[in-house]
N, C-alpha and C. Protein backbone atom coordinates (compact mmCIF):
# COMPACT_ATOMS: atom_id res chain seq x y z
N MET A 1 33.88 -9.80 -3.10
CA MET A 1 34.58 -9.65 -4.33
C MET A 1 33.44 -9.42 -5.36
N PRO A 2 32.87 -8.34 -5.40
CA PRO A 2 31.93 -8.09 -6.49
C PRO A 2 32.44 -7.98 -7.75
N LEU A 3 31.68 -8.50 -8.83
CA LEU A 3 32.18 -8.53 -10.16
C LEU A 3 31.79 -7.20 -10.79
N GLU A 4 32.53 -6.23 -10.76
CA GLU A 4 32.09 -4.91 -11.49
C GLU A 4 33.22 -4.29 -12.12
N LYS A 5 32.93 -3.75 -13.21
CA LYS A 5 33.88 -3.25 -14.08
C LYS A 5 34.63 -1.96 -13.33
N GLY A 6 35.77 -2.00 -13.25
CA GLY A 6 36.56 -0.97 -12.62
C GLY A 6 36.75 -1.12 -11.09
N GLY A 7 36.20 -2.42 -10.64
CA GLY A 7 36.29 -2.69 -9.25
C GLY A 7 37.61 -3.16 -8.88
N GLU A 8 37.81 -3.59 -7.54
CA GLU A 8 39.11 -4.13 -7.00
C GLU A 8 39.55 -5.41 -7.79
N PHE A 9 38.57 -6.27 -7.85
CA PHE A 9 38.93 -7.45 -8.46
C PHE A 9 39.15 -7.33 -10.15
N ALA A 10 38.48 -6.57 -10.61
CA ALA A 10 38.90 -6.18 -11.98
C ALA A 10 40.24 -5.71 -12.19
N ASN A 11 40.60 -4.77 -11.28
CA ASN A 11 41.87 -4.10 -11.16
C ASN A 11 42.97 -5.23 -11.06
N ASP A 12 42.77 -6.10 -10.14
CA ASP A 12 43.68 -7.29 -9.79
C ASP A 12 43.84 -7.87 -11.14
N LEU A 13 42.75 -8.46 -11.90
CA LEU A 13 42.98 -9.15 -13.04
C LEU A 13 43.73 -8.34 -13.98
N GLY A 14 43.55 -7.08 -14.22
CA GLY A 14 44.20 -6.12 -15.12
C GLY A 14 45.71 -6.15 -14.84
N CYS A 15 46.10 -6.12 -13.49
CA CYS A 15 47.51 -6.22 -13.03
C CYS A 15 48.20 -7.57 -13.45
N SER A 16 47.34 -8.59 -13.26
CA SER A 16 47.89 -10.03 -13.57
C SER A 16 48.07 -10.01 -15.03
N LEU A 17 47.27 -9.57 -15.82
CA LEU A 17 47.44 -9.62 -17.34
C LEU A 17 48.55 -8.88 -17.75
N SER A 18 48.71 -7.58 -17.14
CA SER A 18 49.85 -6.73 -17.52
C SER A 18 51.07 -7.42 -17.10
N ALA A 19 51.27 -8.07 -15.97
CA ALA A 19 52.39 -8.79 -15.59
C ALA A 19 52.66 -9.98 -16.56
N ALA A 20 51.69 -10.75 -16.99
CA ALA A 20 51.96 -11.80 -17.85
C ALA A 20 52.37 -11.38 -19.14
N ARG A 21 51.85 -10.26 -19.72
CA ARG A 21 52.26 -9.77 -21.00
C ARG A 21 53.67 -9.29 -20.88
N ASN A 22 53.99 -8.60 -19.78
CA ASN A 22 55.47 -8.06 -19.78
C ASN A 22 56.30 -9.26 -19.56
N PHE A 23 56.08 -10.24 -18.69
CA PHE A 23 56.88 -11.41 -18.68
C PHE A 23 57.11 -12.16 -19.96
N HIS A 24 56.09 -12.34 -20.74
CA HIS A 24 56.07 -12.96 -22.16
C HIS A 24 56.98 -12.17 -22.91
N ALA A 25 56.76 -10.78 -22.96
CA ALA A 25 57.71 -9.85 -23.71
C ALA A 25 59.21 -10.19 -23.30
N ARG A 26 59.43 -10.11 -21.95
CA ARG A 26 60.77 -10.30 -21.44
C ARG A 26 61.44 -11.57 -22.00
N LEU A 27 60.72 -12.67 -21.85
CA LEU A 27 61.27 -14.02 -22.29
C LEU A 27 61.45 -14.07 -23.74
N ASP A 28 60.55 -13.25 -24.55
CA ASP A 28 60.71 -13.35 -25.99
C ASP A 28 62.01 -12.54 -26.42
N ALA A 29 62.45 -11.62 -25.58
CA ALA A 29 63.62 -10.94 -25.89
C ALA A 29 65.04 -11.49 -25.45
N ILE A 30 65.01 -12.64 -24.90
CA ILE A 30 66.26 -13.26 -24.55
C ILE A 30 66.38 -14.70 -25.24
N GLU A 31 67.59 -15.07 -25.39
CA GLU A 31 67.90 -16.17 -26.21
C GLU A 31 67.54 -17.62 -25.65
N PHE A 32 67.23 -17.67 -24.38
CA PHE A 32 67.13 -18.95 -23.86
C PHE A 32 65.83 -19.60 -23.76
N PHE A 33 64.71 -18.73 -24.07
CA PHE A 33 63.41 -19.19 -24.07
C PHE A 33 62.55 -18.73 -25.30
N THR A 34 61.50 -19.61 -25.56
CA THR A 34 60.60 -19.33 -26.61
C THR A 34 59.30 -19.42 -25.81
N PRO A 35 58.55 -18.19 -25.64
CA PRO A 35 57.23 -18.09 -25.16
C PRO A 35 56.20 -18.70 -26.10
N LEU A 36 55.23 -19.39 -25.75
CA LEU A 36 54.19 -19.82 -26.53
C LEU A 36 53.13 -18.88 -26.76
N MET A 37 51.98 -19.22 -26.81
CA MET A 37 50.84 -18.28 -27.10
C MET A 37 50.91 -17.07 -26.24
N ALA A 38 50.42 -15.95 -26.67
CA ALA A 38 50.28 -14.70 -25.79
C ALA A 38 49.33 -14.95 -24.72
N PRO A 39 49.56 -14.39 -23.46
CA PRO A 39 48.78 -14.73 -22.44
C PRO A 39 47.36 -14.14 -22.46
N GLU A 40 46.37 -14.73 -22.21
CA GLU A 40 44.99 -14.21 -22.09
C GLU A 40 44.62 -13.69 -20.82
N LEU A 41 45.30 -14.18 -19.73
CA LEU A 41 45.20 -13.69 -18.45
C LEU A 41 46.41 -13.63 -17.75
N ASP A 42 46.72 -14.77 -16.81
CA ASP A 42 47.85 -14.66 -15.99
C ASP A 42 48.80 -15.82 -16.21
N ILE A 43 48.64 -16.66 -17.23
CA ILE A 43 49.43 -17.71 -17.37
C ILE A 43 50.45 -17.53 -18.56
N VAL A 44 51.67 -18.05 -18.51
CA VAL A 44 52.61 -17.83 -19.58
C VAL A 44 53.30 -19.23 -19.59
N VAL A 45 53.37 -19.63 -20.78
CA VAL A 45 53.89 -21.14 -21.15
C VAL A 45 55.00 -20.62 -22.01
N TYR A 46 56.10 -21.36 -21.73
CA TYR A 46 57.43 -21.18 -22.50
C TYR A 46 58.32 -22.32 -22.64
N ALA A 47 58.97 -22.59 -23.68
CA ALA A 47 59.88 -23.63 -23.83
C ALA A 47 61.29 -23.10 -23.70
N VAL A 48 62.26 -24.03 -23.20
CA VAL A 48 63.60 -23.84 -23.23
C VAL A 48 64.12 -24.19 -24.46
N ASN A 49 64.89 -23.23 -25.06
CA ASN A 49 65.50 -23.37 -26.41
C ASN A 49 66.47 -24.41 -26.51
N ALA A 50 66.37 -25.38 -27.35
CA ALA A 50 67.28 -26.43 -27.60
C ALA A 50 67.19 -26.90 -29.06
N ALA A 51 68.12 -27.90 -29.48
CA ALA A 51 68.18 -28.27 -30.66
C ALA A 51 67.04 -29.30 -30.96
N ASP A 52 66.59 -29.98 -30.08
CA ASP A 52 65.50 -30.83 -30.33
C ASP A 52 64.43 -30.95 -29.12
N THR A 53 63.32 -31.63 -29.32
CA THR A 53 62.37 -31.54 -28.29
C THR A 53 62.60 -32.42 -27.03
N THR A 54 63.45 -33.34 -27.23
CA THR A 54 63.83 -34.11 -26.17
C THR A 54 64.81 -33.41 -25.23
N THR A 55 65.67 -32.75 -25.85
CA THR A 55 66.57 -31.89 -25.18
C THR A 55 66.09 -30.67 -24.39
N ALA A 56 65.08 -30.10 -25.19
CA ALA A 56 64.32 -29.03 -24.54
C ALA A 56 63.42 -29.42 -23.21
N SER A 57 62.86 -30.69 -23.31
CA SER A 57 62.02 -31.20 -22.14
C SER A 57 62.94 -31.40 -20.99
N ALA A 58 64.19 -32.10 -21.35
CA ALA A 58 64.94 -32.33 -20.29
C ALA A 58 65.63 -31.05 -19.56
N SER A 59 65.97 -30.10 -20.28
CA SER A 59 66.31 -28.80 -19.94
C SER A 59 65.29 -28.06 -19.09
N ALA A 60 64.09 -28.20 -19.50
CA ALA A 60 62.91 -27.62 -18.65
C ALA A 60 62.88 -28.17 -17.35
N ARG A 61 62.96 -29.66 -17.22
CA ARG A 61 62.91 -30.33 -15.92
C ARG A 61 64.08 -29.89 -15.05
N ARG A 62 65.22 -29.72 -15.62
CA ARG A 62 66.31 -29.35 -14.74
C ARG A 62 66.25 -27.89 -14.35
N LEU A 63 65.75 -26.87 -15.16
CA LEU A 63 65.49 -25.67 -14.80
C LEU A 63 64.43 -25.56 -13.79
N PHE A 64 63.31 -26.22 -13.82
CA PHE A 64 62.30 -26.41 -12.87
C PHE A 64 62.88 -26.67 -11.50
N ASP A 65 63.83 -27.71 -11.45
CA ASP A 65 64.47 -27.89 -10.04
C ASP A 65 65.37 -26.85 -9.54
N SER A 66 66.21 -26.35 -10.50
CA SER A 66 67.17 -25.19 -10.22
C SER A 66 66.38 -24.07 -9.75
N ALA A 67 65.28 -23.63 -10.38
CA ALA A 67 64.48 -22.56 -10.00
C ALA A 67 64.02 -22.70 -8.55
N ALA A 68 63.44 -23.82 -8.20
CA ALA A 68 62.97 -24.10 -6.92
C ALA A 68 64.03 -23.98 -5.84
N ASP A 69 65.21 -24.44 -6.15
CA ASP A 69 66.36 -24.09 -5.19
C ASP A 69 66.70 -22.68 -5.04
N LYS A 70 66.35 -21.81 -5.97
CA LYS A 70 66.56 -20.39 -5.70
C LYS A 70 65.16 -19.87 -5.22
N GLY A 71 64.13 -20.44 -4.95
CA GLY A 71 62.83 -19.95 -4.36
C GLY A 71 61.99 -19.48 -5.39
N LEU A 72 62.10 -19.85 -6.74
CA LEU A 72 61.17 -19.65 -7.75
C LEU A 72 60.47 -20.92 -8.14
N HIS A 73 59.17 -20.92 -7.76
CA HIS A 73 58.42 -22.08 -8.04
C HIS A 73 57.59 -21.93 -9.37
N LEU A 74 57.87 -22.90 -10.19
CA LEU A 74 57.28 -22.92 -11.61
C LEU A 74 56.40 -24.19 -11.72
N ALA A 75 55.82 -24.24 -12.84
CA ALA A 75 55.06 -25.62 -13.01
C ALA A 75 55.63 -26.05 -14.38
N LEU A 76 55.53 -27.33 -14.54
CA LEU A 76 55.69 -28.08 -15.82
C LEU A 76 54.44 -28.34 -16.58
N ILE A 77 54.50 -28.35 -17.83
CA ILE A 77 53.25 -28.50 -18.64
C ILE A 77 53.90 -29.45 -19.84
N GLU A 78 53.17 -30.61 -19.94
CA GLU A 78 53.54 -31.48 -21.16
C GLU A 78 52.65 -31.29 -22.29
N LEU A 79 53.17 -30.86 -23.52
CA LEU A 79 52.17 -30.45 -24.57
C LEU A 79 52.60 -31.43 -25.80
N PRO A 80 51.75 -31.70 -26.52
CA PRO A 80 51.94 -32.52 -27.79
C PRO A 80 52.74 -31.43 -28.85
N VAL A 81 53.66 -32.02 -29.33
CA VAL A 81 54.36 -31.23 -30.44
C VAL A 81 53.51 -30.58 -31.44
N SER A 82 52.43 -31.37 -31.68
CA SER A 82 51.58 -30.62 -32.75
C SER A 82 50.92 -29.34 -32.36
N LEU A 83 50.77 -29.11 -30.98
CA LEU A 83 50.26 -27.82 -30.63
C LEU A 83 51.28 -26.73 -30.51
N THR A 84 52.63 -27.06 -30.62
CA THR A 84 53.68 -26.09 -30.28
C THR A 84 54.34 -25.70 -31.65
N GLY A 85 54.24 -26.25 -32.79
CA GLY A 85 54.85 -25.98 -33.82
C GLY A 85 54.83 -24.59 -34.34
N HIS A 86 53.86 -23.84 -34.10
CA HIS A 86 53.61 -22.52 -34.57
C HIS A 86 54.64 -21.60 -33.85
N TRP A 87 54.95 -21.96 -32.67
CA TRP A 87 55.95 -21.02 -31.92
C TRP A 87 57.41 -21.73 -31.98
N LEU A 88 57.48 -22.98 -32.01
CA LEU A 88 58.84 -23.68 -31.99
C LEU A 88 59.20 -24.11 -33.40
N THR A 89 59.55 -23.24 -34.16
CA THR A 89 59.75 -23.45 -35.60
C THR A 89 61.29 -23.98 -35.82
N ASP A 90 62.14 -23.68 -35.01
CA ASP A 90 63.67 -24.07 -35.22
C ASP A 90 64.01 -25.16 -34.45
N ILE A 91 63.14 -26.02 -33.94
CA ILE A 91 63.54 -27.20 -33.08
C ILE A 91 63.17 -28.35 -33.94
N GLU A 92 64.11 -29.44 -33.76
CA GLU A 92 63.98 -30.69 -34.28
C GLU A 92 62.89 -31.46 -33.45
N VAL A 93 61.94 -32.01 -34.12
CA VAL A 93 60.91 -32.74 -33.36
C VAL A 93 61.28 -34.24 -33.32
N ASN A 94 61.67 -34.64 -32.15
CA ASN A 94 62.18 -36.10 -31.95
C ASN A 94 61.52 -36.90 -30.81
N SER A 95 60.26 -36.33 -30.48
CA SER A 95 59.31 -36.89 -29.49
C SER A 95 57.99 -36.37 -29.85
N ASP A 96 56.93 -37.03 -29.26
CA ASP A 96 55.55 -36.76 -29.56
C ASP A 96 55.15 -35.68 -28.69
N SER A 97 55.82 -35.25 -27.53
CA SER A 97 55.55 -34.23 -26.76
C SER A 97 56.68 -33.47 -26.31
N ILE A 98 56.61 -32.18 -25.89
CA ILE A 98 57.62 -31.50 -25.18
C ILE A 98 57.24 -30.75 -23.77
N THR A 99 58.16 -30.96 -22.93
CA THR A 99 57.82 -30.43 -21.71
C THR A 99 58.24 -28.87 -21.53
N CYS A 100 57.34 -28.10 -21.28
CA CYS A 100 57.61 -26.68 -21.13
C CYS A 100 57.34 -26.12 -19.66
N LEU A 101 57.69 -24.91 -19.57
CA LEU A 101 57.57 -24.26 -18.17
C LEU A 101 56.13 -23.48 -18.28
N ARG A 102 55.71 -23.33 -17.05
CA ARG A 102 54.39 -22.66 -16.94
C ARG A 102 54.59 -21.70 -15.65
N SER A 103 54.33 -20.27 -15.88
CA SER A 103 54.29 -19.46 -14.82
C SER A 103 52.98 -18.81 -14.75
N VAL A 104 52.33 -18.63 -13.39
CA VAL A 104 51.21 -17.94 -13.23
C VAL A 104 51.39 -16.86 -12.47
N LEU A 105 51.17 -15.61 -12.98
CA LEU A 105 51.38 -14.32 -12.40
C LEU A 105 50.06 -13.85 -11.85
N MET A 106 49.61 -14.38 -10.81
CA MET A 106 48.15 -14.23 -10.39
C MET A 106 47.94 -13.20 -9.25
N LYS A 107 49.06 -12.50 -8.91
CA LYS A 107 49.00 -11.47 -7.84
C LYS A 107 49.46 -10.12 -8.39
N PRO A 108 48.57 -9.14 -8.02
CA PRO A 108 49.04 -7.85 -8.46
C PRO A 108 50.40 -7.41 -8.41
N GLU A 109 51.06 -7.91 -7.26
CA GLU A 109 52.56 -7.52 -7.06
C GLU A 109 53.43 -8.24 -8.06
N HIS A 110 52.92 -9.31 -8.77
CA HIS A 110 53.82 -9.81 -9.85
C HIS A 110 54.09 -8.92 -10.97
N GLN A 111 53.36 -7.73 -11.02
CA GLN A 111 53.60 -6.78 -12.04
C GLN A 111 55.13 -6.29 -11.76
N ASP A 112 55.45 -6.18 -10.55
CA ASP A 112 56.82 -5.62 -10.05
C ASP A 112 57.92 -6.60 -10.05
N TRP A 113 57.63 -7.84 -10.23
CA TRP A 113 58.59 -9.05 -10.05
C TRP A 113 58.97 -9.58 -11.35
N THR A 114 58.50 -9.21 -12.53
CA THR A 114 58.84 -9.93 -13.71
C THR A 114 60.32 -9.86 -14.05
N GLN A 115 60.93 -8.74 -13.65
CA GLN A 115 62.39 -8.59 -14.07
C GLN A 115 63.22 -9.53 -13.13
N ARG A 116 62.84 -9.72 -11.98
CA ARG A 116 63.57 -10.56 -10.89
C ARG A 116 63.28 -12.08 -11.41
N ILE A 117 62.09 -12.20 -11.84
CA ILE A 117 61.82 -13.77 -12.10
C ILE A 117 62.64 -14.13 -13.39
N VAL A 118 62.71 -13.23 -14.45
CA VAL A 118 63.58 -13.38 -15.62
C VAL A 118 65.17 -13.60 -15.18
N ALA A 119 65.60 -12.80 -14.33
CA ALA A 119 66.89 -12.87 -13.88
C ALA A 119 67.21 -14.17 -13.22
N ILE A 120 66.29 -14.54 -12.44
CA ILE A 120 66.48 -15.99 -11.80
C ILE A 120 66.44 -17.18 -12.88
N LEU A 121 65.59 -17.05 -13.83
CA LEU A 121 65.54 -17.99 -14.92
C LEU A 121 67.00 -17.96 -15.66
N GLU A 122 67.37 -16.80 -15.97
CA GLU A 122 68.67 -16.56 -16.72
C GLU A 122 69.78 -17.31 -15.98
N GLU A 123 69.84 -17.05 -14.62
CA GLU A 123 70.76 -17.66 -13.75
C GLU A 123 70.65 -19.23 -13.87
N CYS A 124 69.58 -19.61 -13.76
CA CYS A 124 69.50 -21.14 -13.84
C CYS A 124 69.81 -21.73 -15.23
N VAL A 125 69.81 -21.12 -16.16
CA VAL A 125 70.11 -21.69 -17.61
C VAL A 125 71.72 -21.41 -17.93
N ALA A 126 72.34 -20.30 -17.15
CA ALA A 126 73.65 -20.03 -17.34
C ALA A 126 74.65 -21.17 -17.07
């Protein structure tokens, strides 16, 4: 895996970044989620929209389990609310932290899967 500009590895990283940016934009366009910081490579972190941080955390954990039942494997990340306030401006803070979802789009083929991933997420919150 030589590290050369324009090489196969560089192309794969570019595909991962493109997939992450596309996924971030798709999440931003629907009402159920708020994506946090823009992806710098292949990781997208997002909160489940709710009235308060406790409810958002519980919803994220339920969605994590529901998505796994549908074959979509996500990760959870616990963040201090002090780090999320820039993105989560319309949520009541009633806890020190919030549980968010984290998706890693590390394969080039993830570029073609973002629509399906969002569809599964929407099924899970419906």
